[in-house]
Amino acid sequence: MGLTIAYIIIGIYSIALILIFFYSLAQLNLLLNYLGFKKHQQVAPKFNLLDPKEIPLVTIQLPIYNEEYVVERLLENISKIAYPKSKLEIQVLDDSTDDSVNDTARRIADLQEAGLDIQHIRRENRQGFKAGALKEGLKIAKGDFIAIFDADFLPDPDWLKKTVIYFKDEEIGVVQTRWGHINRDYSILTRIQAFALDAHFTLEQVGRNAKGHFINFNGTAGIWRKECIIDAGNWEGDTLTEDLDLSYRAQLKNWKFKYLEDVETPAELPVVISAARSQQFRWNKGGAENFRKTVVNLVSAKNIPFKTKFHGVMHLLNSSMFLFVFLVAVLSIPMLYIKNSYGHLGWIFEATSFFIVSTIILFICYWFTYKSIQGSGIDHFVDYIKLFFTFFSVALGFSLHNTVAVLEGHMGKRSEFVRTPKFNINNLTDSWKGNKYLTTKLSPNMILEFALMIYFLFGMYSAIPLNDFGLFPFHFMLFLGFGFVFFKSLTAKV
C-alpha cells in the first residue's frame, strides 16, 4: 500500500472519528440537560372539563394504509378516548388499496351508530403519501387542535386530558408524548429497537426541550395546534419524514414545542427485520433529506441562539452518523495494516482513541436513559451492559443499509414512502407468520452485508499474524452485527 493512499485512508478515518466524537459530546450535553431538568418537579396547567368554554374542539387523525391486522384494535381503542363527544371529531384517513377498506368502513359505520363523530376519508391517489393524507384531512377538520396516531398506537383513554391542557400557553404549537412498547420483550430485535427509541424519547427529546432547543414531532402520539400547522406552511410530502420537516419549519417561526416524558403512548414495534429495515431506511433517508432542505434556513435564522443552531444541526445530522460509523468500520482493517507497515505513523493511532471515548460517553448516556424506564440496581446494570453491546453490534450491522439511505437523502434521490408493516403482536405467543404485507426477497444490500460479515471475519483473523488485537473486539461486533442483519433478513425470522 503506497504512502499517499495510506495518508488518504488515515485522513478519512480520522475525520469520521472526530465527527463521531463531536456527536457523542452533543449527546453528553443533552444528558446534562436531561439530569438538570429531572431535578425540577413539573406542574401541569389545569382546565375545567365541566366548563364548555374551557374545552377545545379536537380532531383526531388516524392515517392508515393497508392495516388489515391492526385497524380493528386501533378503532376500538380510539373509541374509548374520554373526551366530550360534542368536542371530538375523528378522521380515518384511509389510503388503503386492499380489502381492508371494506372492513374499516363497516367498523366506522358501527361507531357512527354508537354516536361517535368519526369520518372515513378516502382519496383517489396517494399523492404526498402520509403528509398528503394529513393535509387533505386538515382541509375539513373541525378541531382547533389535531391529534395524530399511527395505526399501531394505543393511547390511554385520558390521553387528551393530559395533553390538550398545555395549549393554554398560546405560544405552544405541539405537544409530543413518549412512545411506549407493548411488545418490548418479544425478541432481541424488539428489545434493541425499544432500547434505541427509549434513548431518543428521554435523553434527546427532554435534553433538547429542557433548554428550548428544537425537537421534533415524532409523526404520531402528539397533538398540533391547527394554526401552527398552517402558519408553518402545512404538511409537505417532499421528504420521507414529513414530521421532522414541519417541526423545524414551525420552530423557525417561533412556535414552542412541549414534550411530555411522563405521558406514555403504547405502540407496537416491528417484529421482523424486513419491517425494521423499511422503517430505518425511511427515518434515516428522511433525516438526510431534511438536513438538505432545512440546514441553511436554520443556520441563517436571526431569531435562533447559536447553541440551539448547533443542536439543531446535530439533530438533522443524526442519521448521517451511520455514514461516519460505516467509514470507520470499513477503513479499520486497512488502518490495521497501515499501523503495522508504517511505524513512524504510530502517533496517529493514539488519536483514534476518540472512538473508545465516544463509546464510553454513549454507554454512560444510554445508562441514564435505560434506568429511567427499566430501573437501576446491579441486576438492571448487568442486563444493560449485555443489551448495550448487543444494540451496538446490531446498529453496526445496519450501518450499510442506513448509509445507503443517508447518501440517497443527501443526493436528493426521491423514493416512495414505504410503510412499516403492522402485525398486532402483543406477546410471545402471537405469530407474525402469514402476514401478507411481508416481503423477504434477497436484495443487493443483503449480499453486501454477507460480504461485509466475511470481511470483518478477515479483520479478526488479521489480528493473529500482525499480533495486534486492539481492533479485535470492534471487528467481532461488526462480524456479529452484519451476520445478524443478513441471516435475519434472509430467513425473515426474529
Protein backbone atom coordinates (compact mmCIF):
# COMPACT_ATOMS: atom_id res chain seq x y z
CA MET A 1 0.00 0.00 0.00
CA GLY A 2 1.50 3.34 -1.07
CA LEU A 3 2.17 6.06 1.47
CA THR A 4 -0.14 8.50 -0.37
CA ILE A 5 -3.06 6.05 -0.20
CA ALA A 6 -2.23 5.41 3.44
CA TYR A 7 -2.46 9.13 4.21
CA ILE A 8 -5.81 9.40 2.38
CA ILE A 9 -7.23 6.49 4.38
CA ILE A 10 -5.89 7.95 7.62
CA GLY A 11 -7.40 11.34 6.77
CA ILE A 12 -10.89 9.98 6.02
CA TYR A 13 -10.77 7.67 9.03
CA SER A 14 -9.69 10.45 11.38
CA ILE A 15 -12.31 12.94 10.15
CA ALA A 16 -15.07 10.34 10.61
CA LEU A 17 -13.82 9.59 14.14
CA ILE A 18 -13.74 13.28 15.06
CA LEU A 19 -17.30 13.80 13.79
CA ILE A 20 -18.50 10.80 15.82
CA PHE A 21 -16.70 12.27 18.84
CA PHE A 22 -18.47 15.62 18.41
CA TYR A 23 -21.78 13.77 18.16
CA SER A 24 -21.06 11.96 21.44
CA LEU A 25 -20.19 15.30 23.12
CA ALA A 26 -23.52 16.69 21.93
CA GLN A 27 -25.24 13.66 23.47
CA LEU A 28 -23.34 14.24 26.72
CA ASN A 29 -24.56 17.83 26.77
CA LEU A 30 -28.13 16.57 26.29
CA LEU A 31 -27.62 14.17 29.20
CA LEU A 32 -26.60 17.07 31.46
CA ASN A 33 -29.69 18.98 30.30
CA TYR A 34 -31.82 15.89 30.98
CA LEU A 35 -30.48 15.36 34.51
CA GLY A 36 -30.90 19.04 35.33
CA PHE A 37 -34.49 19.03 34.08
CA LYS A 38 -35.39 15.88 36.06
CA LYS A 39 -34.45 17.61 39.32
CA HIS A 40 -37.32 20.04 38.99
CA GLN A 41 -40.92 18.96 39.54
CA GLN A 42 -43.06 19.87 36.54
CA VAL A 43 -46.58 21.12 37.26
CA ALA A 44 -49.19 20.71 34.54
CA PRO A 45 -51.67 23.52 33.88
CA LYS A 46 -55.33 22.85 34.58
CA PHE A 47 -58.58 23.41 32.79
CA ASN A 48 -62.14 22.75 33.85
CA LEU A 49 -63.74 19.83 32.00
CA LEU A 50 -67.11 20.86 33.38
CA ASP A 51 -66.95 24.28 31.73
CA PRO A 52 -67.71 24.05 27.98
CA LYS A 53 -65.77 27.26 27.42
CA GLU A 54 -62.62 25.59 28.72
CA ILE A 55 -62.83 22.52 26.46
CA PRO A 56 -61.33 22.95 22.99
CA LEU A 57 -62.60 21.14 19.92
CA VAL A 58 -60.15 18.38 18.95
CA THR A 59 -59.79 16.39 15.73
CA ILE A 60 -58.03 13.03 15.92
CA GLN A 61 -56.44 11.98 12.63
CA LEU A 62 -55.71 8.29 12.01
CA PRO A 63 -53.65 7.92 8.80
CA ILE A 64 -53.80 4.29 7.66
CA TYR A 65 -52.63 2.32 4.64
CA ASN A 66 -53.35 -1.42 4.27
CA GLU A 67 -53.65 -2.04 8.03
CA GLU A 68 -55.75 -5.21 8.00
CA TYR A 69 -54.14 -6.67 11.12
CA VAL A 70 -54.43 -3.65 13.42
CA VAL A 71 -57.32 -1.47 12.24
CA GLU A 72 -59.89 -3.19 14.50
CA ARG A 73 -57.64 -2.69 17.53
CA LEU A 74 -56.97 0.92 16.53
CA LEU A 75 -60.64 1.89 16.15
CA GLU A 76 -61.72 0.05 19.28
CA ASN A 77 -59.04 1.82 21.30
CA ILE A 78 -59.66 5.30 19.90
CA SER A 79 -63.39 4.99 20.56
CA LYS A 80 -62.56 4.82 24.29
CA ILE A 81 -60.94 8.25 24.42
CA ALA A 82 -62.50 10.06 27.37
CA TYR A 83 -63.46 13.44 25.98
CA PRO A 84 -66.83 15.17 25.48
CA LYS A 85 -68.30 13.79 22.24
CA SER A 86 -69.52 17.22 21.20
CA LYS A 87 -65.90 18.40 21.27
CA LEU A 88 -64.32 15.45 19.49
CA GLU A 89 -64.01 14.55 15.81
CA ILE A 90 -62.17 11.53 14.42
CA GLN A 91 -60.87 11.30 10.85
CA VAL A 92 -59.79 7.91 9.50
CA LEU A 93 -57.52 8.94 6.62
CA ASP A 94 -57.62 5.69 4.67
CA ASP A 95 -55.30 5.40 1.65
CA SER A 96 -55.60 1.60 1.61
CA THR A 97 -55.59 -0.31 -1.65
CA ASP A 98 -56.52 -3.75 -0.33
CA ASP A 99 -59.61 -5.48 1.07
CA SER A 100 -59.15 -3.84 4.48
CA VAL A 101 -61.10 -0.81 3.15
CA ASN A 102 -64.46 -2.59 3.39
CA ASP A 103 -63.80 -3.87 6.90
CA THR A 104 -62.70 -0.41 8.02
CA ALA A 105 -65.84 1.16 6.54
CA ARG A 106 -68.06 -1.34 8.37
CA ARG A 107 -66.38 -0.71 11.72
CA ILE A 108 -66.60 3.07 11.25
CA ALA A 109 -70.32 2.78 10.47
CA ASP A 110 -70.81 0.87 13.75
CA LEU A 111 -69.03 3.63 15.68
CA GLN A 112 -71.12 6.30 13.95
CA GLU A 113 -74.28 4.49 15.04
CA ALA A 114 -72.90 4.48 18.58
CA GLY A 115 -72.81 8.29 18.47
CA LEU A 116 -69.15 8.92 17.67
CA ASP A 117 -68.29 11.74 15.23
CA ILE A 118 -65.99 9.68 13.01
CA GLN A 119 -65.44 10.01 9.27
CA HIS A 120 -63.95 7.60 6.73
CA ILE A 121 -61.92 9.78 4.34
CA ARG A 122 -60.66 8.26 1.10
CA ARG A 123 -58.50 9.76 -1.65
CA GLU A 124 -58.28 8.88 -5.32
CA ASN A 125 -54.48 8.67 -5.13
CA ARG A 126 -51.70 8.62 -2.53
CA GLN A 127 -50.12 11.89 -3.60
CA GLY A 128 -47.82 13.08 -0.83
CA PHE A 129 -48.32 9.76 0.99
CA LYS A 130 -48.90 10.31 4.74
CA ALA A 131 -48.26 14.05 4.51
CA GLY A 132 -50.79 14.28 1.69
CA ALA A 133 -53.41 12.40 3.68
CA LEU A 134 -52.91 14.61 6.76
CA LYS A 135 -53.13 17.74 4.63
CA GLU A 136 -56.30 16.51 2.93
CA GLY A 137 -57.95 15.81 6.27
CA LEU A 138 -56.88 19.17 7.66
CA LYS A 139 -58.92 20.96 4.98
CA ILE A 140 -62.17 19.80 6.57
CA ALA A 141 -61.05 19.24 10.19
CA LYS A 142 -63.34 20.94 12.68
CA GLY A 143 -60.90 20.91 15.57
CA ASP A 144 -58.65 23.73 16.70
CA PHE A 145 -56.19 21.03 17.74
CA ILE A 146 -55.13 17.98 15.70
CA ALA A 147 -54.04 14.79 17.45
CA ILE A 148 -52.34 12.18 15.24
CA PHE A 149 -51.93 8.44 15.85
CA ASP A 150 -50.43 5.84 13.54
CA ALA A 151 -52.28 2.55 13.21
CA ASP A 152 -50.23 0.68 15.82
CA PHE A 153 -50.61 3.27 18.61
CA LEU A 154 -52.92 2.77 21.59
CA PRO A 155 -53.37 5.98 23.60
CA ASP A 156 -54.90 5.70 27.06
CA PRO A 157 -58.48 6.99 27.47
CA ASP A 158 -57.28 10.09 29.34
CA TRP A 159 -54.62 10.97 26.74
CA LEU A 160 -56.34 14.12 25.51
CA LYS A 161 -56.95 15.35 29.05
CA LYS A 162 -53.22 15.04 29.76
CA THR A 163 -52.06 16.83 26.62
CA VAL A 164 -54.52 19.45 25.42
CA ILE A 165 -54.19 21.41 28.66
CA TYR A 166 -50.72 22.62 27.67
CA PHE A 167 -52.19 24.68 24.86
CA LYS A 168 -53.28 27.21 27.46
CA ASP A 169 -49.89 28.68 26.57
CA GLU A 170 -50.72 30.28 23.23
CA GLU A 171 -47.09 30.03 22.06
CA ILE A 172 -47.14 26.21 22.15
CA GLY A 173 -47.73 24.69 18.73
CA VAL A 174 -47.17 20.98 19.50
CA VAL A 175 -47.38 18.62 22.47
CA GLN A 176 -45.49 15.35 21.93
CA THR A 177 -45.66 12.28 24.20
CA ARG A 178 -43.23 9.44 24.81
CA TRP A 179 -43.69 6.19 22.91
CA GLY A 180 -44.19 3.00 24.91
CA HIS A 181 -43.70 -0.53 23.56
CA ILE A 182 -46.35 -3.20 24.05
CA ASN A 183 -44.05 -5.93 22.67
CA ARG A 184 -40.67 -4.78 24.02
CA ASP A 185 -39.68 -8.29 25.17
CA TYR A 186 -40.89 -10.20 22.13
CA SER A 187 -37.38 -10.79 20.71
CA ILE A 188 -33.83 -9.49 20.56
CA LEU A 189 -34.88 -7.27 17.66
CA THR A 190 -37.73 -5.60 19.59
CA ARG A 191 -35.56 -5.14 22.68
CA ILE A 192 -32.91 -3.39 20.60
CA GLN A 193 -35.46 -1.11 18.94
CA ALA A 194 -37.04 -0.25 22.29
CA PHE A 195 -33.58 0.49 23.70
CA ALA A 196 -32.77 2.96 20.91
CA LEU A 197 -36.19 4.63 20.96
CA ASP A 198 -36.12 5.00 24.75
CA ALA A 199 -32.84 6.90 24.41
CA HIS A 200 -34.41 9.25 21.88
CA PHE A 201 -37.56 9.79 23.93
CA THR A 202 -35.70 10.51 27.17
CA LEU A 203 -32.19 11.81 26.61
CA GLU A 204 -32.74 13.59 23.29
CA GLN A 205 -36.28 14.91 23.47
CA VAL A 206 -36.07 16.02 27.11
CA GLY A 207 -32.46 17.20 26.78
CA ARG A 208 -33.30 19.48 23.86
CA ASN A 209 -36.72 20.63 25.06
CA ALA A 210 -35.42 21.48 28.55
CA LYS A 211 -33.17 24.20 27.12
CA GLY A 212 -35.51 25.43 24.42
CA HIS A 213 -33.63 23.70 21.58
CA PHE A 214 -35.53 22.33 18.58
CA ILE A 215 -37.20 18.95 18.98
CA ASN A 216 -39.37 17.07 16.52
CA PHE A 217 -42.93 15.87 16.43
CA ASN A 218 -42.48 12.12 16.03
CA GLY A 219 -45.18 11.60 13.42
CA THR A 220 -47.63 10.15 15.93
CA ALA A 221 -48.67 10.28 19.60
CA GLY A 222 -48.70 14.06 19.56
CA ILE A 223 -51.12 16.93 19.11
CA TRP A 224 -50.78 20.09 16.99
CA ARG A 225 -52.40 23.47 17.19
CA LYS A 226 -54.06 23.77 13.77
CA GLU A 227 -52.97 27.39 13.50
CA CYS A 228 -49.33 26.25 13.92
CA ILE A 229 -49.57 23.73 11.08
CA ILE A 230 -50.99 26.34 8.71
CA ASP A 231 -48.63 29.11 9.81
CA ALA A 232 -45.60 26.84 9.26
CA GLY A 233 -46.69 26.10 5.67
CA ASN A 234 -48.77 22.94 6.18
CA TRP A 235 -47.71 19.35 5.54
CA GLU A 236 -45.31 18.76 2.64
CA GLY A 237 -44.52 15.40 1.06
CA ASP A 238 -41.09 16.21 -0.40
CA THR A 239 -39.22 14.28 2.34
CA LEU A 240 -39.80 10.84 3.87
CA THR A 241 -40.04 12.35 7.37
CA GLU A 242 -42.74 14.97 6.96
CA ASP A 243 -42.97 15.23 10.77
CA LEU A 244 -39.36 16.43 11.16
CA ASP A 245 -39.81 18.83 8.23
CA LEU A 246 -42.90 20.55 9.62
CA SER A 247 -41.41 20.58 13.13
CA TYR A 248 -38.42 22.64 12.05
CA ARG A 249 -40.47 24.98 9.88
CA ALA A 250 -42.78 25.62 12.86
CA GLN A 251 -39.96 26.26 15.33
CA LEU A 252 -38.19 28.56 12.88
CA LYS A 253 -41.39 30.62 13.06
CA ASN A 254 -41.05 30.80 16.86
CA TRP A 255 -43.65 28.19 17.81
CA LYS A 256 -42.79 26.35 21.03
CA PHE A 257 -42.93 22.58 21.40
CA LYS A 258 -43.79 20.81 24.65
CA TYR A 259 -42.50 17.29 25.27
CA LEU A 260 -44.16 15.13 27.95
CA GLU A 261 -41.89 12.30 29.06
CA ASP A 262 -44.37 11.20 31.73
CA VAL A 263 -47.22 10.64 29.27
CA GLU A 264 -46.60 7.28 27.59
CA THR A 265 -48.41 6.24 24.43
CA PRO A 266 -48.06 2.47 23.86
CA ALA A 267 -47.30 1.16 20.37
CA GLU A 268 -46.15 -1.97 18.57
CA LEU A 269 -42.54 -2.43 17.44
CA PRO A 270 -41.72 -4.19 14.15
CA VAL A 271 -41.11 -7.86 14.91
CA VAL A 272 -39.35 -8.92 11.71
CA ILE A 273 -36.20 -7.39 10.38
CA SER A 274 -37.64 -6.61 6.93
CA ALA A 275 -40.15 -4.29 8.61
CA ALA A 276 -37.44 -2.74 10.76
CA ARG A 277 -35.27 -2.24 7.66
CA SER A 278 -38.00 -0.31 5.83
CA GLN A 279 -38.62 1.85 8.90
CA GLN A 280 -34.91 2.51 9.42
CA PHE A 281 -34.45 3.38 5.74
CA ARG A 282 -37.33 5.88 5.80
CA TRP A 283 -36.22 7.55 9.03
CA ASN A 284 -32.56 7.85 8.06
CA LYS A 285 -33.13 8.96 4.49
CA GLY A 286 -35.77 11.42 5.69
CA GLY A 287 -33.29 12.84 8.22
CA ALA A 288 -30.73 13.46 5.48
CA GLU A 289 -33.40 14.95 3.21
CA ASN A 290 -34.38 17.36 5.96
CA PHE A 291 -30.76 18.35 6.56
CA ARG A 292 -30.52 19.18 2.87
CA LYS A 293 -33.80 21.10 2.92
CA THR A 294 -33.53 22.92 6.25
CA VAL A 295 -29.94 23.45 7.42
CA VAL A 296 -29.35 26.73 5.55
CA ASN A 297 -32.55 28.26 6.93
CA LEU A 298 -31.61 27.05 10.41
CA VAL A 299 -28.05 28.37 10.38
CA SER A 300 -29.01 31.72 8.85
CA ALA A 301 -32.01 32.33 11.16
CA LYS A 302 -31.54 35.55 13.14
CA ASN A 303 -34.05 34.62 15.86
CA ILE A 304 -32.28 31.42 16.96
CA PRO A 305 -29.39 31.32 19.54
CA PHE A 306 -26.09 29.74 18.48
CA LYS A 307 -26.38 26.76 20.85
CA THR A 308 -29.87 25.95 19.53
CA LYS A 309 -28.48 26.13 15.98
CA PHE A 310 -25.65 23.76 16.94
CA HIS A 311 -28.00 21.21 18.47
CA GLY A 312 -30.35 21.63 15.51
CA VAL A 313 -27.57 20.85 13.04
CA MET A 314 -26.51 17.82 15.09
CA HIS A 315 -30.15 16.72 15.25
CA LEU A 316 -30.53 16.95 11.48
CA LEU A 317 -27.23 15.07 11.08
CA ASN A 318 -28.26 12.25 13.44
CA SER A 319 -28.85 9.76 10.65
CA SER A 320 -25.59 10.78 8.94
CA MET A 321 -23.67 9.29 11.87
CA PHE A 322 -24.27 5.92 10.22
CA LEU A 323 -22.18 7.10 7.25
CA PHE A 324 -19.29 8.05 9.52
CA VAL A 325 -19.58 4.82 11.53
CA PHE A 326 -19.60 2.80 8.30
CA LEU A 327 -16.47 4.59 7.06
CA VAL A 328 -14.67 3.92 10.34
CA ALA A 329 -15.70 0.26 10.19
CA VAL A 330 -14.65 -0.37 6.58
CA LEU A 331 -11.37 1.53 6.90
CA SER A 332 -10.43 -0.06 10.23
CA ILE A 333 -8.88 -3.11 8.53
CA PRO A 334 -6.68 -1.09 6.13
CA MET A 335 -5.75 1.03 9.16
CA LEU A 336 -4.63 -2.11 10.96
CA TYR A 337 -2.20 -2.88 8.15
CA ILE A 338 -1.05 0.75 7.86
CA LYS A 339 -0.24 0.76 11.55
CA ASN A 340 1.95 -2.31 11.16
CA SER A 341 3.60 -1.14 7.92
CA TYR A 342 4.48 2.46 8.77
CA GLY A 343 5.87 2.63 12.27
CA HIS A 344 6.50 6.40 12.10
CA LEU A 345 2.72 6.95 11.88
CA GLY A 346 2.10 5.32 15.23
CA TRP A 347 1.13 8.61 16.90
CA ILE A 348 -1.93 8.83 14.67
CA PHE A 349 -3.35 5.68 16.19
CA GLU A 350 -3.23 7.21 19.64
CA ALA A 351 -5.60 9.88 18.33
CA THR A 352 -8.04 7.21 17.14
CA SER A 353 -8.84 6.53 20.80
CA PHE A 354 -11.57 9.10 20.08
CA PHE A 355 -13.78 6.16 19.14
CA ILE A 356 -13.26 4.47 22.51
CA VAL A 357 -14.02 7.73 24.31
CA SER A 358 -17.14 8.22 22.16
CA THR A 359 -18.32 4.72 23.02
CA ILE A 360 -17.80 5.32 26.75
CA ILE A 361 -19.75 8.59 26.56
CA LEU A 362 -22.65 6.89 24.77
CA PHE A 363 -22.51 4.00 27.26
CA ILE A 364 -22.95 6.49 30.13
CA CYS A 365 -25.69 8.46 28.36
CA TYR A 366 -27.70 5.38 27.47
CA TRP A 367 -27.41 4.01 31.01
CA PHE A 368 -29.20 7.03 32.44
CA THR A 369 -31.99 6.72 29.88
CA TYR A 370 -32.23 2.96 30.41
CA LYS A 371 -32.54 3.17 34.19
CA SER A 372 -35.14 5.95 33.98
CA ILE A 373 -37.52 3.42 32.41
CA GLN A 374 -36.23 -0.02 33.42
CA GLY A 375 -34.86 0.82 36.86
CA SER A 376 -31.40 0.86 38.50
CA GLY A 377 -29.60 -1.71 40.67
CA ILE A 378 -26.90 -4.23 39.88
CA ASP A 379 -29.19 -6.70 38.08
CA HIS A 380 -30.51 -3.98 35.78
CA PHE A 381 -26.97 -2.73 35.17
CA VAL A 382 -25.77 -6.20 34.13
CA ASP A 383 -28.76 -6.51 31.80
CA TYR A 384 -27.96 -3.05 30.47
CA ILE A 385 -24.35 -3.98 29.65
CA LYS A 386 -25.48 -7.01 27.67
CA LEU A 387 -28.19 -5.04 25.88
CA PHE A 388 -25.90 -2.08 25.11
CA PHE A 389 -23.30 -4.20 23.34
CA THR A 390 -26.00 -6.21 21.56
CA PHE A 391 -27.56 -2.93 20.40
CA PHE A 392 -24.14 -1.57 19.40
CA SER A 393 -23.35 -4.68 17.33
CA VAL A 394 -26.69 -4.71 15.52
CA ALA A 395 -26.50 -0.93 14.92
CA LEU A 396 -23.13 -1.55 13.26
CA GLY A 397 -24.79 -4.29 11.20
CA PHE A 398 -27.39 -1.80 9.98
CA SER A 399 -24.71 0.75 9.03
CA LEU A 400 -24.53 -0.22 5.34
CA HIS A 401 -28.30 -0.20 4.91
CA ASN A 402 -28.63 3.14 6.68
CA THR A 403 -25.62 4.63 4.89
CA VAL A 404 -27.31 3.97 1.54
CA ALA A 405 -30.42 5.72 2.88
CA VAL A 406 -28.40 8.71 4.10
CA LEU A 407 -26.49 9.07 0.82
CA GLU A 408 -29.72 8.94 -1.18
CA GLY A 409 -31.17 11.61 1.08
CA HIS A 410 -28.19 13.94 0.77
CA MET A 411 -28.06 13.48 -3.00
CA GLY A 412 -31.76 14.27 -3.38
CA LYS A 413 -32.78 10.91 -4.84
CA ARG A 414 -36.54 10.60 -4.42
CA SER A 415 -38.22 7.36 -3.36
CA GLU A 416 -41.66 6.17 -2.41
CA PHE A 417 -42.88 6.29 1.18
CA VAL A 418 -42.74 2.62 2.23
CA ARG A 419 -44.95 1.94 5.23
CA THR A 420 -43.84 -0.29 8.07
CA PRO A 421 -46.00 -3.45 8.15
CA LYS A 422 -48.01 -3.87 11.35
CA PHE A 423 -48.65 -7.28 12.92
CA ASN A 424 -50.87 -6.97 16.01
CA ILE A 425 -48.20 -8.70 18.09
CA ASN A 426 -48.73 -8.28 21.82
CA ASN A 427 -46.99 -11.23 23.47
CA LEU A 428 -44.63 -14.13 22.87
CA THR A 429 -47.38 -16.48 21.73
CA ASP A 430 -48.54 -14.23 18.87
CA SER A 431 -47.12 -15.05 15.45
CA TRP A 432 -46.30 -12.78 12.51
CA LYS A 433 -46.12 -15.68 10.03
CA GLY A 434 -48.56 -15.45 7.15
CA ASN A 435 -48.61 -11.63 7.19
CA LYS A 436 -49.47 -10.76 3.59
CA TYR A 437 -47.62 -7.44 3.68
CA LEU A 438 -44.19 -9.02 4.22
CA THR A 439 -41.50 -9.28 1.54
CA THR A 440 -38.37 -11.35 2.08
CA LYS A 441 -36.59 -11.32 -1.29
CA LEU A 442 -32.79 -11.21 -1.47
CA SER A 443 -31.57 -7.67 -2.16
CA PRO A 444 -28.17 -6.31 -3.28
CA ASN A 445 -27.74 -4.75 0.16
CA MET A 446 -28.16 -8.14 1.80
CA ILE A 447 -25.47 -9.63 -0.44
CA LEU A 448 -23.13 -6.81 0.54
CA GLU A 449 -23.95 -7.37 4.20
CA PHE A 450 -22.90 -11.01 3.83
CA ALA A 451 -19.68 -9.88 2.15
CA LEU A 452 -19.01 -7.45 5.00
CA MET A 453 -19.57 -10.21 7.53
CA ILE A 454 -16.77 -12.18 5.81
CA TYR A 455 -14.67 -9.01 5.54
CA PHE A 456 -14.75 -8.45 9.29
CA LEU A 457 -14.07 -12.13 9.91
CA PHE A 458 -10.89 -11.48 7.89
CA GLY A 459 -10.24 -8.46 10.12
CA MET A 460 -10.39 -10.70 13.17
CA TYR A 461 -8.02 -13.18 11.51
CA SER A 462 -5.62 -10.37 10.58
CA ALA A 463 -5.00 -9.66 14.25
CA ILE A 464 -3.23 -13.02 14.60
CA PRO A 465 -0.31 -12.69 12.10
CA LEU A 466 0.04 -8.98 12.92
CA ASN A 467 -0.07 -9.71 16.66
CA ASP A 468 -2.29 -6.65 17.09
CA PHE A 469 -5.58 -7.29 18.86
CA GLY A 470 -6.57 -3.69 19.57
CA LEU A 471 -9.38 -3.71 16.96
CA PHE A 472 -10.38 -7.33 17.51
CA PRO A 473 -13.43 -6.53 19.75
CA PHE A 474 -14.62 -3.93 17.22
CA HIS A 475 -14.29 -6.37 14.31
CA PHE A 476 -16.01 -9.08 16.35
CA MET A 477 -19.03 -6.82 16.96
CA LEU A 478 -19.08 -5.90 13.26
CA PHE A 479 -18.96 -9.58 12.32
CA LEU A 480 -21.84 -10.38 14.67
CA GLY A 481 -23.85 -7.32 13.61
CA PHE A 482 -23.66 -7.89 9.88
CA GLY A 483 -24.22 -11.60 10.40
CA PHE A 484 -27.34 -10.92 12.48
CA VAL A 485 -28.79 -8.48 9.95
CA PHE A 486 -28.01 -10.72 6.97
CA PHE A 487 -29.32 -14.01 8.35
CA LYS A 488 -32.43 -12.50 9.94
CA SER A 489 -33.17 -10.69 6.68
CA LEU A 490 -32.64 -13.86 4.69
CA THR A 491 -34.84 -16.05 6.86
CA ALA A 492 -37.33 -13.35 7.94
CA LYS A 493 -37.18 -14.81 11.42
CA VAL A 494 -36.90 -12.91 14.66
